[in-house]
Amino acid sequence: MSDESRPRRRPVRLGALAAALTAALALLCCTGGAGAFFLTELGGDAAEQLTPASMECTGDFEVDVTGKMPRFAQYGERQLRNAAVIIKVGQEMEVPPRGWVVAVATAMQESRLLNLANRTVGESEEIPNEGVGADHDSVGLFQQRASWGTVAQRMNREYASRKFYEKLVDVPGWEKLPLTVAAQRVQISAFPDAYAKHEELASRIVDALAGGAARTALIAGQQVCDAAAAGEVAASGWTAPIPGGVGSGFRTASRPGHNGVDIAAPKGTLIRVAATGRVLVARCDPDRRGRLSCDVDGWPGKGGCGWFVDVLHAQGVITRYCHLVSRPRFSVGDTVQAGEVIGEVGSSGQSSGPHLHFEVHVDGDRSSRGAIDPVPFMQSRGAPLKGAG
């Protein structure tokens, strides 16, 4: 309903207001089943859902370099043991977990987590190694060149990791930079954008080897599990788009066509992009009658997402933010960093009250076929949607 038609309300306590907002979501954009909410120009069928992460964030991040390694389809035991060494060195140097993710992702790109010799550097092949490369005079896990140390030093896993971290922490504001930017500032690679594609798997490896450490965010000087929100970004690179609890869930029995979740919040609440990415769409979604009428509050049955933004992240993940109060702050093609404000909560499109409709899609598929449940996805990134589950 419109602002003008709403009855005047008496002041309520914050706790009562929060409860009311959550309960009100049953009456927001998704009331009425499969046909009640739709993004006018996007369609599709059912999608595969992501299962919750098996690794809990324990707060005990000790790494056992010599113990049993977890199993990953992409990497074998010796590669994971090398990742454990990288993380262990970061811990010893008191580098926060975000640095471990950056370091592991960098080694994934440079050497596939193998301690490589180099056929153009004869001495390197005489040192125990896990394969032979041929990139200039680069050797080791991070493919470090001669200026980084002797051949023997660069092929020592601990030395190579330490040198990487020393350069990383000297990069101003490295913790807030996109992973690929932070890695490139250290490596000066010929392929500066190559690191980003490893961030998701690097985060899962850090979680598996170090007790869920990629799900922590630095808050008030402490690494806190599962609390990335309000602009605080987890070591995984993710943050919750707004505070608040999920009231209307993903494809429930009564709303099987609801391809995201609804989070109640007052109009004007800042919406932050959940992870670094590139804006794919930033515009007004037409309503059922094809009208571009997003500058007014919507109503049930109007149709459309109102003002909305789609952002493409690494590994083909897309996040969607609907019902903004006004035109998004970014345009198509813009790069946005995790935690940046992209707009404010509103009630445009098919809606009967201020809230954020938030979706997560995989495989680069913006249609409903690519939609997955945002609740377990965001939980696994250390940026849970509060009140969800």
Protein backbone atom coordinates (compact mmCIF):
# COMPACT_ATOMS: atom_id res chain seq x y z
CA MET A 1 0.00 0.00 0.00
CA SER A 2 1.12 3.61 -0.50
CA ASP A 3 2.57 5.78 2.28
CA GLU A 4 -0.45 8.09 2.09
CA SER A 5 -2.95 5.29 2.74
CA ARG A 6 -1.21 3.89 5.78
CA PRO A 7 -2.78 4.53 9.18
CA ARG A 8 -0.86 6.55 11.74
CA ARG A 9 0.99 4.32 14.19
CA ARG A 10 1.85 4.82 17.82
CA PRO A 11 5.57 4.74 18.71
CA VAL A 12 6.77 1.22 19.52
CA ARG A 13 9.81 -0.18 21.24
CA LEU A 14 12.73 -1.27 19.04
CA GLY A 15 12.19 -4.92 19.85
CA ALA A 16 8.53 -4.73 18.94
CA LEU A 17 9.38 -2.85 15.76
CA ALA A 18 11.86 -5.52 14.69
CA ALA A 19 9.33 -8.25 15.30
CA ALA A 20 6.68 -6.34 13.41
CA LEU A 21 8.95 -5.76 10.44
CA THR A 22 9.81 -9.44 10.21
CA ALA A 23 6.18 -10.51 10.51
CA ALA A 24 5.14 -7.94 7.93
CA LEU A 25 7.19 -9.67 5.28
CA ALA A 26 4.41 -12.18 4.87
CA LEU A 27 2.47 -9.31 3.29
CA LEU A 28 5.26 -7.90 1.16
CA CYS A 29 6.15 -8.63 -2.42
CA CYS A 30 5.60 -12.34 -2.34
CA THR A 31 2.08 -12.85 -0.96
CA GLY A 32 -0.08 -15.04 -3.13
CA GLY A 33 2.09 -17.85 -4.42
CA ALA A 34 4.08 -18.36 -7.57
CA GLY A 35 2.52 -15.57 -9.59
CA ALA A 36 2.68 -12.83 -7.00
CA PHE A 37 6.30 -11.79 -7.45
CA PHE A 38 8.21 -11.80 -10.70
CA LEU A 39 11.00 -9.96 -12.40
CA THR A 40 9.15 -9.02 -15.54
CA GLU A 41 11.93 -9.65 -18.05
CA LEU A 42 13.42 -12.78 -16.46
CA GLY A 43 11.89 -16.23 -16.33
CA GLY A 44 12.81 -19.88 -15.86
CA ASP A 45 12.29 -23.06 -13.94
CA ALA A 46 13.65 -24.67 -10.81
CA ALA A 47 17.31 -24.33 -9.81
CA GLU A 48 19.76 -26.50 -7.93
CA GLN A 49 20.25 -25.34 -4.36
CA LEU A 50 23.53 -24.95 -2.51
CA THR A 51 23.92 -27.05 0.61
CA PRO A 52 25.17 -25.37 3.82
CA ALA A 53 28.89 -25.46 4.48
CA SER A 54 29.98 -28.45 6.52
CA MET A 55 32.79 -26.48 8.17
CA GLU A 56 31.61 -24.41 11.11
CA CYS A 57 33.46 -21.30 12.19
CA THR A 58 34.95 -22.45 15.49
CA GLY A 59 37.24 -19.59 16.46
CA ASP A 60 40.06 -22.14 16.80
CA PHE A 61 42.05 -21.60 13.62
CA GLU A 62 45.09 -23.75 14.36
CA VAL A 63 46.44 -25.51 11.28
CA ASP A 64 47.88 -29.02 11.40
CA VAL A 65 50.44 -29.04 8.59
CA THR A 66 51.37 -32.71 9.08
CA GLY A 67 47.93 -34.09 9.88
CA LYS A 68 45.21 -35.55 7.70
CA MET A 69 44.18 -33.22 4.88
CA PRO A 70 40.59 -32.54 3.82
CA ARG A 71 39.51 -33.70 0.38
CA PHE A 72 38.89 -31.37 -2.55
CA ALA A 73 38.22 -32.57 -6.07
CA GLN A 74 40.42 -29.85 -7.55
CA TYR A 75 43.56 -30.48 -5.45
CA GLY A 76 45.44 -33.42 -4.02
CA GLU A 77 46.94 -33.98 -0.59
CA ARG A 78 50.35 -32.41 -1.25
CA GLN A 79 48.73 -29.28 -2.70
CA LEU A 80 46.50 -28.89 0.35
CA ARG A 81 49.50 -29.47 2.60
CA ASN A 82 51.22 -26.58 0.79
CA ALA A 83 48.13 -24.45 1.40
CA ALA A 84 48.33 -25.39 5.08
CA VAL A 85 51.95 -24.19 5.18
CA ILE A 86 50.93 -20.87 3.58
CA ILE A 87 48.19 -20.38 6.17
CA LYS A 88 50.46 -21.41 9.06
CA VAL A 89 53.06 -18.83 8.08
CA GLY A 90 50.36 -16.17 7.90
CA GLN A 91 49.22 -17.09 11.39
CA GLU A 92 52.77 -16.92 12.75
CA MET A 93 53.17 -13.45 11.20
CA GLU A 94 49.80 -12.38 12.69
CA VAL A 95 48.38 -11.61 9.27
CA PRO A 96 44.55 -11.70 9.50
CA PRO A 97 42.61 -14.47 7.71
CA ARG A 98 41.83 -12.28 4.71
CA GLY A 99 45.54 -12.40 3.94
CA TRP A 100 45.51 -16.20 4.07
CA VAL A 101 42.76 -16.29 1.46
CA VAL A 102 44.68 -13.86 -0.75
CA ALA A 103 47.88 -15.87 -0.40
CA VAL A 104 46.27 -19.24 -1.10
CA ALA A 105 44.40 -17.87 -4.12
CA THR A 106 47.63 -16.38 -5.44
CA ALA A 107 49.48 -19.69 -5.15
CA MET A 108 46.56 -21.44 -6.82
CA GLN A 109 46.96 -19.17 -9.84
CA GLU A 110 50.76 -19.13 -9.94
CA SER A 111 51.60 -22.79 -9.36
CA ARG A 112 48.39 -24.75 -8.72
CA LEU A 113 49.69 -25.01 -5.14
CA LEU A 114 52.80 -26.94 -6.26
CA ASN A 115 56.36 -26.13 -5.31
CA LEU A 116 57.75 -25.82 -8.83
CA ALA A 117 61.28 -25.90 -10.17
CA ASN A 118 62.12 -24.23 -13.50
CA ARG A 119 63.83 -25.91 -16.43
CA THR A 120 65.62 -22.65 -17.29
CA VAL A 121 67.04 -22.47 -13.74
CA GLY A 122 69.26 -25.55 -13.55
CA GLU A 123 69.87 -25.34 -9.83
CA SER A 124 66.14 -25.55 -9.09
CA GLU A 125 65.77 -29.05 -10.51
CA GLU A 126 68.34 -30.32 -8.02
CA ILE A 127 66.14 -29.16 -5.14
CA PRO A 128 63.17 -31.36 -4.12
CA ASN A 129 60.21 -30.13 -6.13
CA GLU A 130 56.70 -31.05 -7.24
CA GLY A 131 56.97 -30.23 -10.92
CA VAL A 132 58.89 -28.15 -13.42
CA GLY A 133 57.80 -24.87 -14.96
CA ALA A 134 59.42 -22.51 -17.47
CA ASP A 135 58.24 -18.96 -16.69
CA HIS A 136 61.31 -16.70 -16.91
CA ASP A 137 63.36 -17.49 -13.76
CA SER A 138 60.30 -18.01 -11.52
CA VAL A 139 60.24 -20.87 -9.02
CA GLY A 140 58.25 -22.07 -6.01
CA LEU A 141 54.67 -21.82 -4.82
CA PHE A 142 54.36 -18.15 -5.74
CA GLN A 143 56.59 -18.27 -8.83
CA GLN A 144 58.89 -15.66 -7.32
CA ARG A 145 61.69 -14.31 -9.48
CA ALA A 146 65.38 -13.83 -8.64
CA SER A 147 64.89 -10.50 -6.87
CA TRP A 148 62.89 -12.30 -4.15
CA GLY A 149 65.81 -14.42 -2.95
CA THR A 150 68.08 -17.27 -3.88
CA VAL A 151 66.70 -20.28 -5.72
CA ALA A 152 66.87 -22.38 -2.54
CA GLN A 153 65.06 -19.67 -0.56
CA ARG A 154 62.28 -19.22 -3.10
CA MET A 155 61.71 -22.97 -3.22
CA ASN A 156 61.41 -23.12 0.56
CA ARG A 157 57.67 -23.00 1.22
CA GLU A 158 57.95 -21.07 4.48
CA TYR A 159 60.36 -18.49 3.04
CA ALA A 160 58.25 -17.96 -0.08
CA SER A 161 55.08 -17.54 1.98
CA ARG A 162 56.76 -15.12 4.35
CA LYS A 163 58.02 -12.95 1.48
CA PHE A 164 54.55 -12.84 -0.02
CA TYR A 165 52.98 -11.71 3.25
CA GLU A 166 55.71 -9.12 3.85
CA LYS A 167 54.89 -7.47 0.56
CA LEU A 168 51.13 -7.86 0.99
CA VAL A 169 50.93 -6.08 4.35
CA ASP A 170 52.95 -3.19 2.91
CA VAL A 171 50.18 -2.52 0.38
CA PRO A 172 48.11 0.39 1.76
CA GLY A 173 44.61 -0.75 2.72
CA TRP A 174 45.15 -4.25 1.35
CA GLU A 175 42.43 -5.72 3.59
CA LYS A 176 39.75 -3.66 1.80
CA LEU A 177 41.03 -4.19 -1.73
CA PRO A 178 39.48 -6.75 -4.09
CA LEU A 179 41.52 -9.95 -3.87
CA THR A 180 42.77 -9.70 -7.43
CA VAL A 181 44.00 -6.14 -6.83
CA ALA A 182 45.78 -7.02 -3.59
CA ALA A 183 47.44 -10.05 -5.19
CA GLN A 184 48.50 -8.07 -8.23
CA ARG A 185 50.10 -5.35 -6.10
CA VAL A 186 52.38 -8.07 -4.72
CA GLN A 187 52.95 -10.22 -7.79
CA ILE A 188 52.98 -7.62 -10.62
CA SER A 189 51.65 -10.33 -12.92
CA ALA A 190 51.14 -10.14 -16.67
CA PHE A 191 47.60 -11.38 -15.99
CA PRO A 192 46.33 -9.05 -13.23
CA ASP A 193 42.71 -10.25 -13.31
CA ALA A 194 43.51 -13.95 -13.06
CA TYR A 195 43.47 -14.21 -9.27
CA ALA A 196 39.79 -13.39 -8.75
CA LYS A 197 38.53 -16.71 -10.08
CA HIS A 198 40.26 -18.56 -7.22
CA GLU A 199 38.74 -16.56 -4.34
CA GLU A 200 35.75 -18.80 -3.67
CA LEU A 201 37.71 -22.06 -3.59
CA ALA A 202 40.59 -20.45 -1.68
CA SER A 203 38.08 -19.40 0.98
CA ARG A 204 36.74 -22.93 1.26
CA ILE A 205 40.25 -24.32 1.57
CA VAL A 206 41.08 -21.83 4.34
CA ASP A 207 37.84 -22.76 6.09
CA ALA A 208 38.62 -26.47 5.87
CA LEU A 209 42.22 -26.13 7.03
CA ALA A 210 41.75 -23.42 9.64
CA GLY A 211 38.43 -23.97 11.38
CA GLY A 212 36.24 -21.71 9.27
CA ALA A 213 38.62 -18.74 9.40
CA ALA A 214 37.43 -17.35 6.06
CA ARG A 215 34.05 -16.77 7.72
CA THR A 216 35.47 -14.23 10.15
CA ALA A 217 35.38 -10.44 9.98
CA LEU A 218 37.63 -8.04 11.86
CA ILE A 219 35.32 -6.18 14.26
CA ALA A 220 36.63 -3.94 17.03
CA GLY A 221 40.06 -5.52 16.68
CA GLN A 222 38.79 -9.09 17.01
CA GLN A 223 38.18 -11.79 14.41
CA VAL A 224 34.48 -12.59 14.84
CA CYS A 225 32.77 -15.59 13.23
CA ASP A 226 29.73 -15.15 11.00
CA ALA A 227 29.22 -11.45 11.59
CA ALA A 228 30.12 -9.69 8.34
CA ALA A 229 27.58 -6.89 7.96
CA ALA A 230 27.23 -3.11 8.04
CA GLY A 231 30.21 -2.74 5.73
CA GLU A 232 32.43 -5.21 7.59
CA VAL A 233 33.71 -7.77 5.07
CA ALA A 234 34.54 -11.37 5.95
CA ALA A 235 37.86 -12.93 4.98
CA SER A 236 35.90 -14.70 2.25
CA GLY A 237 35.22 -11.30 0.66
CA TRP A 238 31.47 -11.23 1.46
CA THR A 239 29.20 -9.09 3.62
CA ALA A 240 25.46 -9.02 4.35
CA PRO A 241 23.70 -6.41 2.16
CA ILE A 242 21.65 -4.94 5.03
CA PRO A 243 21.02 -5.72 8.69
CA GLY A 244 17.73 -7.36 9.51
CA GLY A 245 16.09 -10.77 9.52
CA VAL A 246 14.67 -12.85 6.70
CA GLY A 247 10.91 -12.95 6.92
CA SER A 248 9.86 -14.31 3.55
CA GLY A 249 12.07 -17.19 2.48
CA PHE A 250 13.28 -18.81 -0.71
CA ARG A 251 10.69 -20.88 -2.62
CA THR A 252 8.55 -21.80 0.36
CA ALA A 253 5.53 -24.09 0.05
CA SER A 254 3.19 -21.09 -0.09
CA ARG A 255 5.47 -19.06 -2.41
CA PRO A 256 7.24 -21.55 -4.72
CA GLY A 257 8.02 -18.84 -7.25
CA HIS A 258 9.88 -16.63 -4.78
CA ASN A 259 13.47 -16.80 -6.06
CA GLY A 260 15.09 -14.87 -3.22
CA VAL A 261 14.49 -13.73 0.34
CA ASP A 262 12.95 -10.58 1.80
CA ILE A 263 14.65 -8.60 4.55
CA ALA A 264 12.56 -5.92 6.25
CA ALA A 265 14.20 -2.56 6.88
CA PRO A 266 13.13 1.09 7.16
CA LYS A 267 13.01 3.11 3.96
CA GLY A 268 16.39 4.68 3.26
CA THR A 269 18.44 1.90 4.90
CA LEU A 270 21.75 1.64 3.06
CA ILE A 271 22.15 -1.40 0.80
CA ARG A 272 25.72 -2.65 0.39
CA VAL A 273 26.98 -4.88 -2.39
CA ALA A 274 27.63 -8.33 -0.96
CA ALA A 275 30.99 -8.88 -2.71
CA THR A 276 33.28 -7.21 -5.20
CA GLY A 277 31.95 -7.41 -8.73
CA ARG A 278 30.76 -5.68 -11.88
CA VAL A 279 27.32 -4.14 -12.33
CA LEU A 280 25.31 -5.98 -14.98
CA VAL A 281 21.98 -4.20 -14.59
CA ALA A 282 20.95 -1.01 -12.79
CA ARG A 283 17.54 0.27 -13.79
CA CYS A 284 13.80 0.26 -13.30
CA ASP A 285 12.05 -3.06 -13.94
CA PRO A 286 8.75 -2.65 -15.86
CA ASP A 287 5.56 -3.59 -14.03
CA ARG A 288 2.92 -5.98 -15.38
CA ARG A 289 1.61 -3.31 -17.75
CA GLY A 290 5.06 -2.40 -19.01
CA ARG A 291 5.22 0.89 -17.12
CA LEU A 292 8.52 2.24 -15.80
CA SER A 293 6.99 3.69 -12.63
CA CYS A 294 9.68 3.02 -10.02
CA ASP A 295 9.75 6.49 -8.47
CA VAL A 296 6.57 5.79 -6.51
CA ASP A 297 5.83 3.13 -3.91
CA GLY A 298 4.49 -0.08 -5.36
CA TRP A 299 1.67 -2.36 -4.29
CA PRO A 300 0.79 -6.08 -4.27
CA GLY A 301 0.02 -7.24 -7.79
CA LYS A 302 1.81 -4.38 -9.52
CA GLY A 303 4.58 -6.64 -10.76
CA GLY A 304 8.24 -5.96 -11.30
CA CYS A 305 11.29 -5.57 -9.12
CA GLY A 306 11.20 -1.76 -9.03
CA TRP A 307 14.60 -0.13 -9.05
CA PHE A 308 17.06 -3.01 -8.99
CA VAL A 309 20.71 -3.95 -9.42
CA ASP A 310 22.37 -7.15 -10.61
CA VAL A 311 26.09 -7.60 -9.82
CA LEU A 312 28.36 -10.27 -11.31
CA HIS A 313 31.00 -11.72 -8.96
CA ALA A 314 33.80 -14.24 -9.44
CA GLN A 315 32.89 -17.79 -10.49
CA GLY A 316 29.70 -16.62 -12.20
CA VAL A 317 27.82 -15.75 -8.99
CA ILE A 318 25.25 -12.97 -9.42
CA THR A 319 23.52 -11.06 -6.62
CA ARG A 320 20.29 -9.10 -7.12
CA TYR A 321 18.90 -6.23 -5.03
CA CYS A 322 15.26 -5.20 -5.62
CA HIS A 323 12.79 -2.48 -4.55
CA LEU A 324 15.34 0.34 -4.14
CA VAL A 325 13.84 3.70 -3.24
CA SER A 326 15.49 5.48 -6.17
CA ARG A 327 17.87 5.01 -9.06
CA PRO A 328 20.92 2.89 -8.08
CA ARG A 329 24.16 4.71 -7.32
CA PHE A 330 26.12 2.74 -9.93
CA SER A 331 25.73 2.15 -13.65
CA VAL A 332 26.17 -0.86 -15.91
CA GLY A 333 29.84 -1.78 -16.25
CA ASP A 334 30.94 -0.14 -13.00
CA THR A 335 33.15 -2.11 -10.63
CA VAL A 336 31.86 -2.15 -7.05
CA GLN A 337 33.78 -3.30 -4.01
CA ALA A 338 32.38 -5.47 -1.23
CA GLY A 339 30.52 -3.30 1.27
CA GLU A 340 30.07 -0.31 -1.04
CA VAL A 341 26.63 1.32 -0.89
CA ILE A 342 24.69 0.73 -4.12
CA GLY A 343 21.34 2.20 -3.06
CA GLU A 344 18.75 2.50 -0.32
CA VAL A 345 15.83 0.33 0.77
CA GLY A 346 12.50 1.34 -0.72
CA SER A 347 9.19 -0.12 -1.82
CA SER A 348 9.22 0.26 -5.59
CA GLY A 349 7.74 -2.43 -7.82
CA GLN A 350 5.56 -5.21 -6.47
CA SER A 351 5.71 -4.42 -2.77
CA SER A 352 3.53 -3.36 0.12
CA GLY A 353 6.24 -2.04 2.43
CA PRO A 354 9.93 -1.15 2.59
CA HIS A 355 12.27 -4.13 2.34
CA LEU A 356 15.12 -5.58 0.32
CA HIS A 357 14.43 -8.52 -1.95
CA PHE A 358 17.82 -10.28 -2.25
CA GLU A 359 18.71 -13.05 -4.67
CA VAL A 360 21.80 -15.17 -5.40
CA HIS A 361 22.29 -16.83 -8.80
CA VAL A 362 25.00 -19.22 -9.98
CA ASP A 363 26.56 -20.16 -13.32
CA GLY A 364 26.13 -16.61 -14.58
CA ASP A 365 22.39 -17.31 -15.03
CA ARG A 366 20.23 -14.28 -14.21
CA SER A 367 16.98 -16.20 -14.76
CA SER A 368 15.18 -18.20 -12.10
CA ARG A 369 16.99 -21.32 -13.32
CA GLY A 370 20.18 -19.98 -11.73
CA ALA A 371 18.62 -18.92 -8.43
CA ILE A 372 19.71 -20.62 -5.20
CA ASP A 373 18.73 -20.08 -1.58
CA PRO A 374 20.70 -17.05 -0.32
CA VAL A 375 20.50 -18.15 3.33
CA PRO A 376 22.95 -21.11 3.30
CA PHE A 377 25.07 -19.38 0.66
CA MET A 378 25.61 -16.25 2.75
CA GLN A 379 26.06 -18.30 5.94
CA SER A 380 28.89 -20.23 4.26
CA ARG A 381 30.59 -16.91 3.45
CA GLY A 382 30.51 -15.67 7.05
CA ALA A 383 27.89 -13.05 6.19
CA PRO A 384 24.65 -14.59 7.47
CA LEU A 385 21.30 -12.97 6.85
CA LYS A 386 20.28 -12.27 10.43
CA GLY A 387 17.28 -14.08 11.78
CA ALA A 388 17.35 -16.55 8.90
CA GLY A 389 17.02 -20.26 9.18
